[in-house]
Amino acid sequence: MATDSQPSRTTDASHAGEPAPPGPCHDVLIVGGGLVGASLAIALERLGLDVGLVEAAPPGSLPAVFDERNLSFAEATINALTALEVMQKLRAPTGMIRRIHVSRRGDFGRATLDARDHGRESFGQVVVARDFGDALEARLSELPHLVRYRPVRFVGLEASPLASHRSVRVADQGGERVLHTRLLVAADGTRSQVREALGIDSESHDYQQTLFVTRLRAERAPDGTAYERLGEHGPTALLPRGDRHFGLVHGVDSDQADAVAALDEPDFLARAQQAFGWRAGRFLSCGRPSLYPAIRMLASRSVAPRAVLVGNAAQTIHPIGAQGFNLGLRDALTLAELIETARTADAASDCGGRALLDAYVERRRVDRDETIALSDGLARLSANPSPLMRPLRSLGLFALDRVPSVQAALVGGALGYRGHVPALCRSHLEEVPA
């Protein structure tokens, strides 16, 4: 099987009292070269590990996830990606999120959060996924220890000849072969084949919403305000991009998705305008929207013997609040940090051992649970059409706008500081809201 990096080395299994298994063998094998998988490979590079990355996309192509959607990077994410030398490789300007404006159509009240009130220039930045993919690719190409298998697909697992390794069957146009690894990382998305092969169950909830995502030009250019306009059929959000356009996310009832997709540009703009309002002036033009279903998927557990799920393979959350990638990146960085700590204490430590994986589960518990609960709660609460909910939502918006303790709790999470925060996320951090 071809790789476009150096040939895989045979890892030293002597500390486990066993010879290395036959064939290519890695300390860590990551299946999935998307946002989280690529970021994890970069984070592991400085540890001197033998890392393999299984990617479905061929050289010169980006995975489908790197499209025209807009990613909202929290401050903690920016800190980490800067330390990993990824942010420096972005070619397009990013959009600063200096204010967050939240309202709901049909309800009274609104809430405005200003980064300056919390001692910051911005809450985060908006990055176009395609540009981020190019930046990750540029950084991956610089890694001397990484072995990239592409285009290669995961086929399944098979019994390993050694208890200290997982055996992974993969395939390309030349046929199938087996790779061995001390730690298998599933970073292959919501419909993770690795998760299924590991026998890890998952629970899904369909919000019955379809999200239309595109670039939009409005009468008023972005001024650093990210707008979240909640509604019965999902959010309509405007994110300030760095190219004087907004990133539009427009949620519709899934039953209406086909009809909305068939609209021409003027009619689609009119529909989005009606849902959002006029705070950005008249909507003038937009690109052809892409469609994404709003679902929640939670794996019943995030680890198995010598295996761990990260990112969307572990949890896929509603995009309200734009926390999905930020949460997945903290999965990856926490795993890399635990491996680094173990190797610092003992250079022959086992990166796939049970103690390390147990520590990973415990360290991710608070951040994962609270972020999922917030995302799901906001999605359900904002979509509830009951008239009885209107005064409660209005009261919540009032509290968010006026009560400092309520603001601080939300801002800390929005910045990416929830639960145990990986060290790379705290780079250059002076103060975190309580």
Protein backbone atom coordinates (compact mmCIF):
# COMPACT_ATOMS: atom_id res chain seq x y z
CA MET A 1 0.00 0.00 0.00
CA ALA A 2 1.40 3.35 -0.98
CA THR A 3 2.03 6.15 1.45
CA ASP A 4 3.14 9.65 0.58
CA SER A 5 5.43 9.93 3.57
CA GLN A 6 8.34 7.88 4.82
CA PRO A 7 7.76 4.13 5.25
CA SER A 8 6.32 3.10 8.59
CA ARG A 9 8.84 2.13 11.22
CA THR A 10 8.37 -0.91 13.41
CA THR A 11 7.56 0.27 16.92
CA ASP A 12 9.54 -1.14 19.82
CA ALA A 13 7.37 -3.57 21.78
CA SER A 14 10.16 -4.80 24.04
CA HIS A 15 8.85 -2.94 27.09
CA ALA A 16 5.72 -5.09 26.86
CA GLY A 17 7.84 -8.25 26.69
CA GLU A 18 6.59 -9.01 23.19
CA PRO A 19 8.01 -8.71 19.69
CA ALA A 20 6.40 -6.24 17.34
CA PRO A 21 3.66 -7.73 15.15
CA PRO A 22 4.43 -8.34 11.48
CA GLY A 23 3.75 -5.55 9.01
CA PRO A 24 3.44 -1.78 9.41
CA CYS A 25 3.13 -0.89 13.06
CA HIS A 26 2.42 2.45 14.73
CA ASP A 27 2.20 3.88 18.20
CA VAL A 28 -1.00 5.70 17.18
CA LEU A 29 -3.14 5.08 14.09
CA ILE A 30 -5.76 7.76 13.33
CA VAL A 31 -8.61 6.82 11.00
CA GLY A 32 -10.04 9.99 9.48
CA GLY A 33 -8.16 12.97 8.06
CA GLY A 34 -10.81 15.63 8.69
CA LEU A 35 -10.72 18.56 11.07
CA VAL A 36 -10.12 16.65 14.31
CA GLY A 37 -8.05 13.75 12.94
CA ALA A 38 -5.61 16.05 11.13
CA SER A 39 -5.34 18.32 14.18
CA LEU A 40 -4.53 15.33 16.40
CA ALA A 41 -1.79 14.16 14.02
CA ILE A 42 -0.21 17.61 14.23
CA ALA A 43 -0.47 17.70 18.03
CA LEU A 44 1.25 14.29 18.34
CA GLU A 45 4.15 15.19 16.05
CA ARG A 46 6.24 16.90 18.72
CA LEU A 47 6.12 13.79 20.92
CA GLY A 48 8.31 11.76 18.57
CA LEU A 49 5.72 9.01 18.17
CA ASP A 50 5.22 6.85 15.11
CA VAL A 51 1.82 8.06 13.92
CA GLY A 52 -0.20 6.79 10.96
CA LEU A 53 -3.08 8.70 9.39
CA VAL A 54 -5.64 6.82 7.26
CA GLU A 55 -7.33 9.24 4.85
CA ALA A 56 -10.06 8.62 2.29
CA ALA A 57 -9.13 11.65 0.15
CA PRO A 58 -6.28 11.26 -2.35
CA PRO A 59 -3.24 13.57 -2.36
CA GLY A 60 -4.17 16.95 -3.74
CA SER A 61 -7.79 16.71 -2.59
CA LEU A 62 -9.43 17.76 0.66
CA PRO A 63 -12.03 15.69 2.54
CA ALA A 64 -15.62 16.72 1.82
CA VAL A 65 -15.91 18.34 5.26
CA PHE A 66 -13.63 21.15 4.08
CA ASP A 67 -16.28 22.97 2.10
CA GLU A 68 -17.70 26.51 2.14
CA ARG A 69 -19.27 26.28 5.58
CA ASN A 70 -18.09 28.72 8.24
CA LEU A 71 -16.33 27.50 11.37
CA SER A 72 -16.50 29.55 14.55
CA PHE A 73 -13.22 29.09 16.45
CA ALA A 74 -13.37 29.79 20.19
CA GLU A 75 -10.45 31.61 21.81
CA ALA A 76 -9.16 28.33 23.27
CA THR A 77 -9.18 26.78 19.80
CA ILE A 78 -7.27 29.73 18.34
CA ASN A 79 -4.68 29.48 21.10
CA ALA A 80 -4.12 25.80 20.40
CA LEU A 81 -4.04 26.05 16.60
CA THR A 82 -1.60 28.96 16.85
CA ALA A 83 0.68 26.90 19.08
CA LEU A 84 0.45 24.08 16.53
CA GLU A 85 1.40 26.54 13.75
CA VAL A 86 -1.85 26.05 11.83
CA MET A 87 -3.46 29.49 12.17
CA GLN A 88 -0.35 31.06 10.63
CA LYS A 89 -0.99 29.10 7.43
CA LEU A 90 -4.49 30.46 6.80
CA ARG A 91 -4.45 32.39 3.53
CA ALA A 92 -7.85 34.10 3.71
CA PRO A 93 -8.59 36.72 6.36
CA THR A 94 -10.59 35.55 9.35
CA GLY A 95 -13.56 37.40 10.81
CA MET A 96 -13.30 38.57 14.42
CA ILE A 97 -16.30 37.86 16.67
CA ARG A 98 -16.34 40.90 18.93
CA ARG A 99 -19.99 40.76 19.91
CA ILE A 100 -22.69 38.08 20.10
CA HIS A 101 -26.32 39.10 19.58
CA VAL A 102 -29.01 36.55 20.51
CA SER A 103 -32.76 36.92 19.94
CA ARG A 104 -35.76 34.78 19.09
CA ARG A 105 -38.38 35.54 16.52
CA GLY A 106 -41.74 36.11 18.21
CA ASP A 107 -40.30 36.54 21.72
CA PHE A 108 -39.52 39.69 23.65
CA GLY A 109 -35.99 40.66 24.58
CA ARG A 110 -32.55 40.05 23.25
CA ALA A 111 -29.07 39.58 24.69
CA THR A 112 -25.82 41.17 23.57
CA LEU A 113 -22.42 40.01 24.76
CA ASP A 114 -19.40 42.24 24.14
CA ALA A 115 -15.89 40.80 24.35
CA ARG A 116 -14.57 44.06 25.79
CA ASP A 117 -16.77 43.61 28.85
CA HIS A 118 -14.85 40.39 29.54
CA GLY A 119 -11.36 41.75 28.97
CA ARG A 120 -10.96 40.44 25.44
CA GLU A 121 -10.63 41.78 21.94
CA SER A 122 -12.88 39.03 20.59
CA PHE A 123 -14.65 35.83 21.58
CA GLY A 124 -13.18 34.00 18.62
CA GLN A 125 -12.80 34.04 14.85
CA VAL A 126 -14.75 32.83 11.84
CA VAL A 127 -12.76 30.65 9.45
CA VAL A 128 -13.97 29.19 6.14
CA ALA A 129 -13.67 25.40 6.33
CA ARG A 130 -11.94 25.12 2.95
CA ASP A 131 -9.24 27.58 3.97
CA PHE A 132 -8.78 25.71 7.24
CA GLY A 133 -8.39 22.48 5.30
CA ASP A 134 -5.66 24.03 3.17
CA ALA A 135 -3.88 25.24 6.31
CA LEU A 136 -4.05 21.81 7.93
CA GLU A 137 -2.74 20.20 4.75
CA ALA A 138 0.17 22.64 4.60
CA ARG A 139 1.06 21.84 8.20
CA LEU A 140 0.67 18.07 7.75
CA SER A 141 3.07 18.16 4.82
CA GLU A 142 5.77 19.47 7.16
CA LEU A 143 5.59 16.61 9.66
CA PRO A 144 8.62 14.31 9.28
CA HIS A 145 7.32 11.45 11.43
CA LEU A 146 3.79 11.15 10.10
CA VAL A 147 2.94 8.25 7.78
CA ARG A 148 -0.05 9.06 5.58
CA TYR A 149 -2.11 6.31 3.96
CA ARG A 150 -4.22 7.86 1.19
CA PRO A 151 -6.51 7.27 -0.51
CA VAL A 152 -7.23 4.40 1.85
CA ARG A 153 -10.43 3.24 3.51
CA PHE A 154 -10.99 1.44 6.77
CA VAL A 155 -12.33 -2.09 6.25
CA GLY A 156 -12.52 -3.52 9.75
CA LEU A 157 -10.71 -4.97 12.74
CA GLU A 158 -9.22 -8.40 13.16
CA ALA A 159 -7.73 -10.34 16.04
CA SER A 160 -4.27 -9.10 16.90
CA PRO A 161 -1.43 -11.56 17.50
CA LEU A 162 -0.41 -9.42 20.49
CA ALA A 163 -2.43 -8.01 23.38
CA SER A 164 -0.39 -4.82 23.16
CA HIS A 165 -1.71 -3.89 19.70
CA ARG A 166 -4.82 -3.48 17.59
CA SER A 167 -4.88 -4.95 14.09
CA VAL A 168 -6.68 -2.82 11.52
CA ARG A 169 -7.60 -3.92 8.02
CA VAL A 170 -7.53 -1.18 5.37
CA ALA A 171 -7.80 -1.15 1.59
CA ASP A 172 -6.83 0.88 -1.44
CA GLN A 173 -6.96 0.21 -5.17
CA GLY A 174 -4.19 -2.36 -4.77
CA GLY A 175 -6.12 -4.49 -2.29
CA GLU A 176 -6.26 -5.01 1.45
CA ARG A 177 -3.59 -5.15 4.12
CA VAL A 178 -3.29 -5.04 7.91
CA LEU A 179 -1.82 -2.21 9.99
CA HIS A 180 -0.98 -2.58 13.67
CA THR A 181 -1.14 0.05 16.37
CA ARG A 182 -0.88 0.46 20.11
CA LEU A 183 -3.72 2.99 20.03
CA LEU A 184 -6.47 3.22 17.42
CA VAL A 185 -8.18 6.62 17.14
CA ALA A 186 -11.59 6.86 15.47
CA ALA A 187 -11.85 10.33 13.92
CA ASP A 188 -14.06 9.22 11.04
CA GLY A 189 -17.16 11.27 11.76
CA THR A 190 -20.76 10.81 12.78
CA ARG A 191 -21.24 7.57 10.86
CA SER A 192 -18.00 6.15 12.17
CA GLN A 193 -17.19 2.72 10.79
CA VAL A 194 -14.50 2.31 13.42
CA ARG A 195 -17.03 2.92 16.20
CA GLU A 196 -19.29 0.30 14.67
CA ALA A 197 -16.44 -2.20 14.32
CA LEU A 198 -15.54 -1.67 17.98
CA GLY A 199 -19.10 -2.59 18.94
CA ILE A 200 -19.82 0.77 20.55
CA ASP A 201 -23.51 1.64 20.45
CA SER A 202 -24.77 5.15 19.73
CA GLU A 203 -27.99 7.08 20.31
CA SER A 204 -29.27 9.55 17.74
CA HIS A 205 -31.87 12.31 17.78
CA ASP A 206 -33.13 13.99 14.64
CA TYR A 207 -34.13 17.60 15.32
CA GLN A 208 -36.19 17.56 12.09
CA GLN A 209 -34.28 20.62 10.92
CA THR A 210 -32.20 21.16 7.79
CA LEU A 211 -29.54 23.86 7.82
CA PHE A 212 -28.81 25.88 4.67
CA VAL A 213 -25.27 27.27 4.70
CA THR A 214 -23.86 29.85 2.32
CA ARG A 215 -21.94 33.11 1.97
CA LEU A 216 -24.14 36.18 2.03
CA ARG A 217 -23.65 39.86 1.18
CA ALA A 218 -25.81 42.35 3.03
CA GLU A 219 -26.35 46.09 2.89
CA ARG A 220 -24.22 46.49 6.00
CA ALA A 221 -20.78 44.94 6.06
CA PRO A 222 -19.88 42.78 9.07
CA ASP A 223 -18.77 44.81 12.09
CA GLY A 224 -17.67 41.94 14.31
CA THR A 225 -21.16 40.99 15.50
CA ALA A 226 -22.28 37.37 15.31
CA TYR A 227 -26.06 37.18 15.18
CA GLU A 228 -28.02 34.17 16.41
CA ARG A 229 -31.72 34.55 15.57
CA LEU A 230 -33.56 31.58 17.03
CA GLY A 231 -36.79 30.25 15.62
CA GLU A 232 -39.28 27.41 15.70
CA HIS A 233 -37.62 25.63 12.77
CA GLY A 234 -34.01 26.25 13.78
CA PRO A 235 -31.59 29.17 14.00
CA THR A 236 -30.85 31.78 11.38
CA ALA A 237 -27.34 32.99 12.11
CA LEU A 238 -25.02 35.52 10.51
CA LEU A 239 -21.32 35.11 11.21
CA PRO A 240 -18.84 37.91 10.38
CA ARG A 241 -16.40 36.55 7.82
CA GLY A 242 -13.14 38.26 6.94
CA ASP A 243 -14.08 38.99 3.31
CA ARG A 244 -16.82 41.57 4.03
CA HIS A 245 -19.47 38.87 3.68
CA PHE A 246 -21.48 37.04 6.29
CA GLY A 247 -21.66 33.32 6.76
CA LEU A 248 -25.36 32.47 6.75
CA VAL A 249 -26.87 29.48 8.52
CA HIS A 250 -30.63 29.23 7.93
CA GLY A 251 -32.61 26.46 9.61
CA VAL A 252 -35.84 25.16 8.11
CA ASP A 253 -38.24 22.36 8.94
CA SER A 254 -36.92 19.23 7.22
CA ASP A 255 -40.29 18.72 5.55
CA GLN A 256 -39.74 22.04 3.76
CA ALA A 257 -36.11 21.46 2.82
CA ASP A 258 -36.71 20.32 -0.76
CA ALA A 259 -39.00 23.27 -1.47
CA VAL A 260 -36.50 25.75 0.00
CA ALA A 261 -33.64 24.14 -1.95
CA ALA A 262 -35.62 24.72 -5.17
CA LEU A 263 -35.95 28.48 -4.55
CA ASP A 264 -34.05 30.87 -6.79
CA GLU A 265 -31.65 33.35 -5.19
CA PRO A 266 -34.11 36.28 -4.73
CA ASP A 267 -36.75 34.04 -3.13
CA PHE A 268 -34.21 32.33 -0.87
CA LEU A 269 -32.87 35.72 0.24
CA ALA A 270 -36.41 36.91 0.95
CA ARG A 271 -37.07 33.83 3.06
CA ALA A 272 -33.86 34.21 5.05
CA GLN A 273 -34.54 37.94 5.46
CA GLN A 274 -37.99 37.26 6.89
CA ALA A 275 -36.56 34.78 9.39
CA PHE A 276 -33.64 36.98 10.42
CA GLY A 277 -34.92 40.55 10.26
CA TRP A 278 -33.14 43.75 9.26
CA ARG A 279 -30.27 44.20 11.72
CA ALA A 280 -27.73 43.76 8.91
CA GLY A 281 -29.82 45.69 6.39
CA ARG A 282 -31.18 44.18 3.18
CA PHE A 283 -29.77 40.87 2.02
CA LEU A 284 -28.28 41.50 -1.44
CA SER A 285 -26.80 38.25 -2.75
CA CYS A 286 -25.65 34.79 -1.72
CA GLY A 287 -23.94 31.71 -3.04
CA ARG A 288 -25.65 28.42 -3.73
CA PRO A 289 -26.49 26.98 -0.28
CA SER A 290 -25.28 23.62 0.97
CA LEU A 291 -27.65 21.51 3.09
CA TYR A 292 -26.91 19.70 6.35
CA PRO A 293 -29.32 17.79 8.61
CA ALA A 294 -29.36 18.83 12.28
CA ILE A 295 -28.87 15.70 14.37
CA ARG A 296 -27.40 14.72 17.69
CA MET A 297 -25.39 11.49 17.97
CA LEU A 298 -23.87 10.32 21.24
CA ALA A 299 -21.69 7.24 21.52
CA SER A 300 -22.48 5.11 24.56
CA ARG A 301 -18.79 5.22 25.50
CA SER A 302 -15.75 6.91 24.07
CA VAL A 303 -13.11 4.23 24.63
CA ALA A 304 -12.59 0.52 24.06
CA PRO A 305 -9.48 -1.62 24.62
CA ARG A 306 -6.66 0.21 22.81
CA ALA A 307 -9.11 2.48 21.02
CA VAL A 308 -10.65 5.92 21.53
CA LEU A 309 -13.33 7.97 19.75
CA VAL A 310 -12.78 11.69 19.17
CA GLY A 311 -14.78 14.49 17.57
CA ASN A 312 -17.98 13.63 15.73
CA ALA A 313 -17.29 9.90 16.08
CA ALA A 314 -17.83 10.35 19.84
CA GLN A 315 -20.46 13.08 19.78
CA THR A 316 -22.19 15.04 17.05
CA ILE A 317 -24.13 18.00 18.42
CA HIS A 318 -26.59 20.55 17.08
CA PRO A 319 -24.63 23.43 15.51
CA ILE A 320 -26.45 26.03 17.60
CA GLY A 321 -23.71 27.85 19.49
CA ALA A 322 -21.08 26.59 17.01
CA GLN A 323 -19.33 24.31 19.51
CA GLY A 324 -18.95 21.07 17.54
CA PHE A 325 -15.40 21.41 16.21
CA ASN A 326 -14.21 23.26 19.31
CA LEU A 327 -15.36 20.34 21.46
CA GLY A 328 -13.81 17.77 19.14
CA LEU A 329 -10.49 19.59 19.07
CA ARG A 330 -10.39 19.54 22.87
CA ASP A 331 -10.91 15.76 22.66
CA ALA A 332 -7.82 15.50 20.47
CA LEU A 333 -5.68 17.87 22.52
CA THR A 334 -6.59 16.16 25.79
CA LEU A 335 -5.55 12.80 24.35
CA ALA A 336 -2.24 14.23 23.09
CA GLU A 337 -1.60 15.87 26.45
CA LEU A 338 -2.18 12.65 28.40
CA ILE A 339 0.17 10.76 26.09
CA GLU A 340 2.80 13.47 26.51
CA THR A 341 2.48 13.40 30.30
CA ALA A 342 2.82 9.63 30.38
CA ARG A 343 5.89 9.68 28.13
CA THR A 344 7.50 12.42 30.22
CA ALA A 345 7.18 10.18 33.29
CA ASP A 346 8.26 7.05 31.42
CA ALA A 347 9.59 7.11 27.85
CA ALA A 348 8.44 3.48 27.41
CA SER A 349 4.87 4.22 28.54
CA ASP A 350 2.03 2.53 26.69
CA CYS A 351 -0.04 5.13 24.84
CA GLY A 352 -2.89 2.66 24.42
CA GLY A 353 -2.98 1.34 27.96
CA ARG A 354 -6.12 1.18 30.06
CA ALA A 355 -4.92 3.67 32.66
CA LEU A 356 -4.40 6.36 30.02
CA LEU A 357 -7.78 5.73 28.40
CA ASP A 358 -9.55 5.79 31.77
CA ALA A 359 -7.87 9.12 32.51
CA TYR A 360 -9.03 10.42 29.13
CA VAL A 361 -12.66 9.56 29.86
CA GLU A 362 -12.56 11.25 33.24
CA ARG A 363 -10.79 14.35 31.99
CA ARG A 364 -13.29 14.86 29.15
CA ARG A 365 -16.38 14.22 31.23
CA VAL A 366 -17.32 17.74 32.38
CA ASP A 367 -16.58 19.53 29.10
CA ARG A 368 -18.37 16.91 27.02
CA ASP A 369 -21.44 16.61 29.23
CA GLU A 370 -21.94 20.35 29.74
CA THR A 371 -21.37 21.28 26.09
CA ILE A 372 -23.78 18.59 24.88
CA ALA A 373 -26.39 19.61 27.45
CA LEU A 374 -26.14 23.28 26.49
CA SER A 375 -26.37 22.61 22.76
CA ASP A 376 -29.28 20.20 23.07
CA GLY A 377 -31.11 22.39 25.59
CA LEU A 378 -30.84 25.50 23.43
CA ALA A 379 -31.99 23.63 20.33
CA ARG A 380 -35.04 22.14 22.03
CA LEU A 381 -35.98 25.23 24.04
CA SER A 382 -35.69 27.65 21.13
CA ALA A 383 -37.72 25.43 18.80
CA ASN A 384 -40.56 24.79 21.25
CA PRO A 385 -43.63 26.57 19.79
CA SER A 386 -45.67 26.49 23.00
CA PRO A 387 -46.94 29.97 24.04
CA LEU A 388 -46.08 29.01 27.63
CA MET A 389 -42.39 29.00 26.70
CA ARG A 390 -42.34 32.57 25.42
CA PRO A 391 -42.14 34.33 28.81
CA LEU A 392 -39.53 31.85 30.05
CA ARG A 393 -37.32 32.40 26.99
CA SER A 394 -37.74 36.17 27.27
CA LEU A 395 -36.74 35.99 30.94
CA GLY A 396 -33.70 33.93 30.00
CA LEU A 397 -32.63 36.48 27.37
CA PHE A 398 -33.10 39.27 29.92
CA ALA A 399 -30.90 37.43 32.44
CA LEU A 400 -28.25 36.77 29.81
CA ASP A 401 -28.24 40.45 28.88
CA ARG A 402 -28.28 41.88 32.41
CA VAL A 403 -27.00 39.37 35.00
CA PRO A 404 -23.16 39.23 35.13
CA SER A 405 -22.98 35.76 36.68
CA VAL A 406 -25.17 34.31 33.92
CA GLN A 407 -23.08 36.03 31.26
CA ALA A 408 -19.80 34.84 32.78
CA ALA A 409 -20.92 31.21 32.82
CA LEU A 410 -21.91 31.32 29.15
CA VAL A 411 -18.88 33.34 28.05
CA GLY A 412 -16.42 30.95 29.69
CA GLY A 413 -17.89 28.06 27.72
CA ALA A 414 -18.10 30.08 24.51
CA LEU A 415 -14.40 30.88 24.81
CA GLY A 416 -13.64 27.17 25.15
CA TYR A 417 -12.80 27.07 28.86
CA ARG A 418 -15.04 24.42 30.35
CA GLY A 419 -13.95 21.54 32.57
CA HIS A 420 -10.30 20.50 32.31
CA VAL A 421 -8.74 22.74 29.66
CA PRO A 422 -5.80 21.30 27.64
CA ALA A 423 -2.57 23.23 28.11
CA LEU A 424 -2.32 24.20 24.43
CA CYS A 425 -5.72 25.91 24.73
CA ARG A 426 -4.39 28.04 27.56
CA SER A 427 -1.46 29.43 25.56
CA HIS A 428 -1.03 33.13 26.29
CA LEU A 429 -4.07 32.94 28.57
CA GLU A 430 -4.10 35.50 31.34
CA GLU A 431 -7.58 35.18 32.82
CA VAL A 432 -10.57 32.94 32.27
CA PRO A 433 -14.08 34.05 33.22
CA ALA A 434 -15.35 32.25 36.31
